[in-house]
């Protein structure tokens, strides 16, 4: 299945375009990256600038870059999560441990409740107390829906196919 996802990433690209995409993303898009990526992809030295610029306007190339960058960000989220956990548990600085713990709680939906100021002009014949009761009831309904909405937002994300060997994963964890 992972192989099929990788093929879809490069769908419609030539081998040279695929190498260009990989190299450009690897180089980080800095100064000279376009020509360097075109050069590594095997385009002639005379045309690396013009071909590189053409490739940067090619919809399929740009789509593959976007997908590759998205995949790298999602895979990097694992490293970020492990780093926050390590900092929360092991940092010598109490402030760093607290910030890491708050970040973990926030990202898992257990962070502080957010508040918003709301100004409403209501033309209603009900008494003030009845209106306040109705508002309170609606706010309670919203609070009940929040966890369900967060679950739905999590589920709508694309699944991540990240393959690590146990040795690679052990090295990554030891490096934290």
C-alpha atoms as a PDB file:
ATOM      1  CA  UNK A   1       0.000   0.000   0.000  1.00  0.00           C
ATOM      2  CA  UNK A   2       2.839   2.423   0.841  1.00  0.00           C
ATOM      3  CA  UNK A   3       4.337   1.847  -2.619  1.00  0.00           C
ATOM      4  CA  UNK A   4       1.034   2.772  -4.258  1.00  0.00           C
ATOM      5  CA  UNK A   5       0.857   6.035  -2.278  1.00  0.00           C
ATOM      6  CA  UNK A   6       4.379   6.961  -3.404  1.00  0.00           C
ATOM      7  CA  UNK A   7       3.475   6.239  -7.014  1.00  0.00           C
ATOM      8  CA  UNK A   8       0.426   8.530  -6.685  1.00  0.00           C
ATOM      9  CA  UNK A   9       2.681  11.272  -5.380  1.00  0.00           C
ATOM     10  CA  UNK A  10       4.600  11.280  -8.652  1.00  0.00           C
ATOM     11  CA  UNK A  11       1.682  10.427 -10.942  1.00  0.00           C
ATOM     12  CA  UNK A  12       2.179  11.818 -14.426  1.00  0.00           C
ATOM     13  CA  UNK A  13       5.800  12.872 -13.862  1.00  0.00           C
ATOM     14  CA  UNK A  14       8.815  11.740 -15.807  1.00  0.00           C
ATOM     15  CA  UNK A  15      11.805  10.316 -13.933  1.00  0.00           C
ATOM     16  CA  UNK A  16      13.618  13.621 -14.387  1.00  0.00           C
ATOM     17  CA  UNK A  17      10.670  15.580 -12.999  1.00  0.00           C
ATOM     18  CA  UNK A  18      10.455  13.208 -10.010  1.00  0.00           C
ATOM     19  CA  UNK A  19      14.154  13.705  -9.266  1.00  0.00           C
ATOM     20  CA  UNK A  20      13.684  17.471  -9.652  1.00  0.00           C
ATOM     21  CA  UNK A  21      10.810  17.442  -7.121  1.00  0.00           C
ATOM     22  CA  UNK A  22      12.739  15.322  -4.599  1.00  0.00           C
ATOM     23  CA  UNK A  23      15.881  17.416  -4.921  1.00  0.00           C
ATOM     24  CA  UNK A  24      14.159  20.785  -4.767  1.00  0.00           C
ATOM     25  CA  UNK A  25      12.281  19.789  -1.591  1.00  0.00           C
ATOM     26  CA  UNK A  26      15.450  18.256  -0.113  1.00  0.00           C
ATOM     27  CA  UNK A  27      17.397  21.469  -0.768  1.00  0.00           C
ATOM     28  CA  UNK A  28      14.689  23.517   0.909  1.00  0.00           C
ATOM     29  CA  UNK A  29      13.934  25.857  -1.961  1.00  0.00           C
ATOM     30  CA  UNK A  30      16.761  28.246  -1.111  1.00  0.00           C
ATOM     31  CA  UNK A  31      18.789  30.360  -3.512  1.00  0.00           C
ATOM     32  CA  UNK A  32      20.020  28.245  -6.413  1.00  0.00           C
ATOM     33  CA  UNK A  33      17.803  25.278  -5.546  1.00  0.00           C
ATOM     34  CA  UNK A  34      15.904  25.346  -8.834  1.00  0.00           C
ATOM     35  CA  UNK A  35      19.035  25.114 -10.976  1.00  0.00           C
ATOM     36  CA  UNK A  36      20.646  22.568  -8.623  1.00  0.00           C
ATOM     37  CA  UNK A  37      17.535  20.372  -8.711  1.00  0.00           C
ATOM     38  CA  UNK A  38      17.379  20.574 -12.515  1.00  0.00           C
ATOM     39  CA  UNK A  39      21.102  19.757 -12.706  1.00  0.00           C
ATOM     40  CA  UNK A  40      20.724  16.707 -10.444  1.00  0.00           C
ATOM     41  CA  UNK A  41      17.705  15.610 -12.485  1.00  0.00           C
ATOM     42  CA  UNK A  42      19.989  15.377 -15.504  1.00  0.00           C
ATOM     43  CA  UNK A  43      19.011  18.423 -17.525  1.00  0.00           C
ATOM     44  CA  UNK A  44      21.819  19.992 -19.555  1.00  0.00           C
ATOM     45  CA  UNK A  45      23.926  22.645 -17.862  1.00  0.00           C
ATOM     46  CA  UNK A  46      22.890  25.190 -20.509  1.00  0.00           C
ATOM     47  CA  UNK A  47      19.195  24.761 -19.737  1.00  0.00           C
ATOM     48  CA  UNK A  48      19.048  24.195 -15.952  1.00  0.00           C
ATOM     49  CA  UNK A  49      17.779  27.718 -15.256  1.00  0.00           C
ATOM     50  CA  UNK A  50      15.116  27.857 -17.973  1.00  0.00           C
ATOM     51  CA  UNK A  51      13.952  24.247 -17.519  1.00  0.00           C
ATOM     52  CA  UNK A  52      13.949  24.674 -13.750  1.00  0.00           C
ATOM     53  CA  UNK A  53      11.756  27.741 -14.037  1.00  0.00           C
ATOM     54  CA  UNK A  54       9.420  25.928 -16.435  1.00  0.00           C
ATOM     55  CA  UNK A  55       9.151  23.018 -14.008  1.00  0.00           C
ATOM     56  CA  UNK A  56       8.234  25.423 -11.209  1.00  0.00           C
ATOM     57  CA  UNK A  57       5.184  26.430 -13.271  1.00  0.00           C
ATOM     58  CA  UNK A  58       4.170  22.859 -14.132  1.00  0.00           C
ATOM     59  CA  UNK A  59       0.964  21.945 -12.251  1.00  0.00           C
ATOM     60  CA  UNK A  60       1.911  18.266 -11.877  1.00  0.00           C
ATOM     61  CA  UNK A  61       5.350  19.155 -10.529  1.00  0.00           C
ATOM     62  CA  UNK A  62       3.880  21.686  -8.090  1.00  0.00           C
ATOM     63  CA  UNK A  63       1.238  19.194  -6.977  1.00  0.00           C
ATOM     64  CA  UNK A  64       3.885  16.540  -6.321  1.00  0.00           C
ATOM     65  CA  UNK A  65       5.949  19.069  -4.347  1.00  0.00           C
ATOM     66  CA  UNK A  66       2.945  20.009  -2.235  1.00  0.00           C
ATOM     67  CA  UNK A  67       2.164  16.358  -1.512  1.00  0.00           C
ATOM     68  CA  UNK A  68       5.791  15.572  -0.662  1.00  0.00           C
ATOM     69  CA  UNK A  69       6.108  18.577   1.650  1.00  0.00           C
ATOM     70  CA  UNK A  70       2.816  17.672   3.349  1.00  0.00           C
ATOM     71  CA  UNK A  71       4.029  14.095   3.844  1.00  0.00           C
ATOM     72  CA  UNK A  72       7.305  15.346   5.344  1.00  0.00           C
ATOM     73  CA  UNK A  73       5.462  17.671   7.735  1.00  0.00           C
ATOM     74  CA  UNK A  74       3.187  14.854   8.875  1.00  0.00           C
ATOM     75  CA  UNK A  75       6.139  12.513   9.417  1.00  0.00           C
ATOM     76  CA  UNK A  76       7.944  15.303  11.275  1.00  0.00           C
ATOM     77  CA  UNK A  77       4.975  15.623  13.625  1.00  0.00           C
ATOM     78  CA  UNK A  78       6.064  12.326  15.210  1.00  0.00           C
ATOM     79  CA  UNK A  79       9.481  13.799  15.981  1.00  0.00           C
ATOM     80  CA  UNK A  80       7.864  16.970  17.320  1.00  0.00           C
ATOM     81  CA  UNK A  81       5.533  15.012  19.573  1.00  0.00           C
ATOM     82  CA  UNK A  82       8.378  12.890  20.948  1.00  0.00           C
ATOM     83  CA  UNK A  83      10.485  15.996  21.519  1.00  0.00           C
ATOM     84  CA  UNK A  84       7.698  17.724  23.475  1.00  0.00           C
ATOM     85  CA  UNK A  85       7.180  14.622  25.617  1.00  0.00           C
ATOM     86  CA  UNK A  86      10.919  14.325  26.263  1.00  0.00           C
ATOM     87  CA  UNK A  87      11.155  18.002  27.207  1.00  0.00           C
ATOM     88  CA  UNK A  88       8.127  17.750  29.514  1.00  0.00           C
ATOM     89  CA  UNK A  89       9.674  14.789  31.298  1.00  0.00           C
ATOM     90  CA  UNK A  90      13.407  15.528  31.250  1.00  0.00           C
ATOM     91  CA  UNK A  91      14.226  19.203  30.787  1.00  0.00           C
ATOM     92  CA  UNK A  92      16.362  20.671  33.573  1.00  0.00           C
ATOM     93  CA  UNK A  93      14.485  23.959  33.179  1.00  0.00           C
ATOM     94  CA  UNK A  94      11.142  24.005  34.991  1.00  0.00           C
ATOM     95  CA  UNK A  95       9.732  26.643  32.620  1.00  0.00           C
ATOM     96  CA  UNK A  96      10.592  24.497  29.594  1.00  0.00           C
ATOM     97  CA  UNK A  97       8.940  21.447  31.197  1.00  0.00           C
ATOM     98  CA  UNK A  98       5.810  23.498  31.904  1.00  0.00           C
ATOM     99  CA  UNK A  99       5.622  24.939  28.365  1.00  0.00           C
ATOM    100  CA  UNK A 100       6.118  21.488  26.832  1.00  0.00           C
ATOM    101  CA  UNK A 101       3.414  20.007  29.067  1.00  0.00           C
ATOM    102  CA  UNK A 102       1.019  22.848  28.161  1.00  0.00           C
ATOM    103  CA  UNK A 103       1.762  22.326  24.449  1.00  0.00           C
ATOM    104  CA  UNK A 104       1.014  18.604  24.765  1.00  0.00           C
ATOM    105  CA  UNK A 105      -2.251  19.282  26.572  1.00  0.00           C
ATOM    106  CA  UNK A 106      -3.248  21.939  24.065  1.00  0.00           C
ATOM    107  CA  UNK A 107      -2.574  19.717  21.057  1.00  0.00           C
ATOM    108  CA  UNK A 108      -4.492  16.797  22.534  1.00  0.00           C
ATOM    109  CA  UNK A 109      -7.604  18.840  23.313  1.00  0.00           C
ATOM    110  CA  UNK A 110      -7.020  19.159  27.052  1.00  0.00           C
ATOM    111  CA  UNK A 111      -5.741  22.716  26.986  1.00  0.00           C
ATOM    112  CA  UNK A 112      -7.475  25.634  28.637  1.00  0.00           C
ATOM    113  CA  UNK A 113     -10.944  26.493  27.430  1.00  0.00           C
ATOM    114  CA  UNK A 114     -10.926  29.460  25.115  1.00  0.00           C
ATOM    115  CA  UNK A 115     -13.279  32.321  25.730  1.00  0.00           C
ATOM    116  CA  UNK A 116     -14.731  34.792  23.321  1.00  0.00           C
ATOM    117  CA  UNK A 117     -16.540  38.050  23.899  1.00  0.00           C
ATOM    118  CA  UNK A 118     -19.889  38.132  22.214  1.00  0.00           C
ATOM    119  CA  UNK A 119     -22.042  41.190  21.651  1.00  0.00           C
ATOM    120  CA  UNK A 120     -25.560  40.500  20.452  1.00  0.00           C
ATOM    121  CA  UNK A 121     -28.395  42.849  19.660  1.00  0.00           C
ATOM    122  CA  UNK A 122     -31.619  40.979  20.208  1.00  0.00           C
ATOM    123  CA  UNK A 123     -35.079  42.087  19.259  1.00  0.00           C
ATOM    124  CA  UNK A 124     -37.049  39.636  21.293  1.00  0.00           C
ATOM    125  CA  UNK A 125     -40.244  39.993  23.276  1.00  0.00           C
ATOM    126  CA  UNK A 126     -39.087  37.573  25.970  1.00  0.00           C
ATOM    127  CA  UNK A 127     -38.006  38.791  29.358  1.00  0.00           C
ATOM    128  CA  UNK A 128     -34.302  39.290  30.005  1.00  0.00           C
ATOM    129  CA  UNK A 129     -34.136  36.221  32.258  1.00  0.00           C
ATOM    130  CA  UNK A 130     -35.745  34.007  29.599  1.00  0.00           C
ATOM    131  CA  UNK A 131     -33.270  35.193  26.976  1.00  0.00           C
ATOM    132  CA  UNK A 132     -30.310  34.576  29.296  1.00  0.00           C
ATOM    133  CA  UNK A 133     -31.619  31.073  30.029  1.00  0.00           C
ATOM    134  CA  UNK A 134     -31.910  30.376  26.287  1.00  0.00           C
ATOM    135  CA  UNK A 135     -28.355  31.622  25.699  1.00  0.00           C
ATOM    136  CA  UNK A 136     -27.074  29.503  28.576  1.00  0.00           C
ATOM    137  CA  UNK A 137     -28.795  26.435  27.100  1.00  0.00           C
ATOM    138  CA  UNK A 138     -27.221  27.060  23.679  1.00  0.00           C
ATOM    139  CA  UNK A 139     -23.765  27.494  25.229  1.00  0.00           C
ATOM    140  CA  UNK A 140     -24.162  24.170  27.038  1.00  0.00           C
ATOM    141  CA  UNK A 141     -25.112  22.524  23.740  1.00  0.00           C
ATOM    142  CA  UNK A 142     -22.008  23.991  22.097  1.00  0.00           C
ATOM    143  CA  UNK A 143     -19.783  22.724  24.935  1.00  0.00           C
ATOM    144  CA  UNK A 144     -21.262  19.241  24.478  1.00  0.00           C
ATOM    145  CA  UNK A 145     -20.482  19.377  20.742  1.00  0.00           C
ATOM    146  CA  UNK A 146     -16.848  20.580  21.069  1.00  0.00           C
ATOM    147  CA  UNK A 147     -15.302  17.133  21.777  1.00  0.00           C
ATOM    148  CA  UNK A 148     -17.296  15.608  18.926  1.00  0.00           C
ATOM    149  CA  UNK A 149     -16.115  18.331  16.539  1.00  0.00           C
ATOM    150  CA  UNK A 150     -12.474  17.790  17.570  1.00  0.00           C
ATOM    151  CA  UNK A 151     -12.849  14.060  16.906  1.00  0.00           C
ATOM    152  CA  UNK A 152     -14.309  14.784  13.464  1.00  0.00           C
ATOM    153  CA  UNK A 153     -11.488  17.220  12.644  1.00  0.00           C
ATOM    154  CA  UNK A 154      -8.940  14.561  13.591  1.00  0.00           C
ATOM    155  CA  UNK A 155     -10.699  11.915  11.476  1.00  0.00           C
ATOM    156  CA  UNK A 156     -10.866  14.063   8.340  1.00  0.00           C
ATOM    157  CA  UNK A 157      -7.074  14.247   8.130  1.00  0.00           C
ATOM    158  CA  UNK A 158      -5.455  12.006   5.570  1.00  0.00           C
ATOM    159  CA  UNK A 159      -3.851   8.882   6.985  1.00  0.00           C
ATOM    160  CA  UNK A 160      -0.098   8.946   7.227  1.00  0.00           C
ATOM    161  CA  UNK A 161       2.022   6.214   5.700  1.00  0.00           C
ATOM    162  CA  UNK A 162       5.371   6.423   7.425  1.00  0.00           C
ATOM    163  CA  UNK A 163       7.632   3.420   7.347  1.00  0.00           C
ATOM    164  CA  UNK A 164      10.521   3.067   9.780  1.00  0.00           C
ATOM    165  CA  UNK A 165      12.537   0.009  10.514  1.00  0.00           C
ATOM    166  CA  UNK A 166      12.785  -0.816  14.209  1.00  0.00           C
ATOM    167  CA  UNK A 167      16.481   0.051  14.110  1.00  0.00           C
ATOM    168  CA  UNK A 168      15.773   3.509  12.619  1.00  0.00           C
ATOM    169  CA  UNK A 169      13.016   4.147  15.134  1.00  0.00           C
ATOM    170  CA  UNK A 170      15.234   3.066  18.058  1.00  0.00           C
ATOM    171  CA  UNK A 171      17.981   5.423  16.831  1.00  0.00           C
ATOM    172  CA  UNK A 172      15.463   8.300  16.553  1.00  0.00           C
ATOM    173  CA  UNK A 173      14.187   7.685  20.082  1.00  0.00           C
ATOM    174  CA  UNK A 174      17.705   7.372  21.509  1.00  0.00           C
ATOM    175  CA  UNK A 175      18.608  10.650  19.818  1.00  0.00           C
ATOM    176  CA  UNK A 176      15.857  12.455  21.718  1.00  0.00           C
END
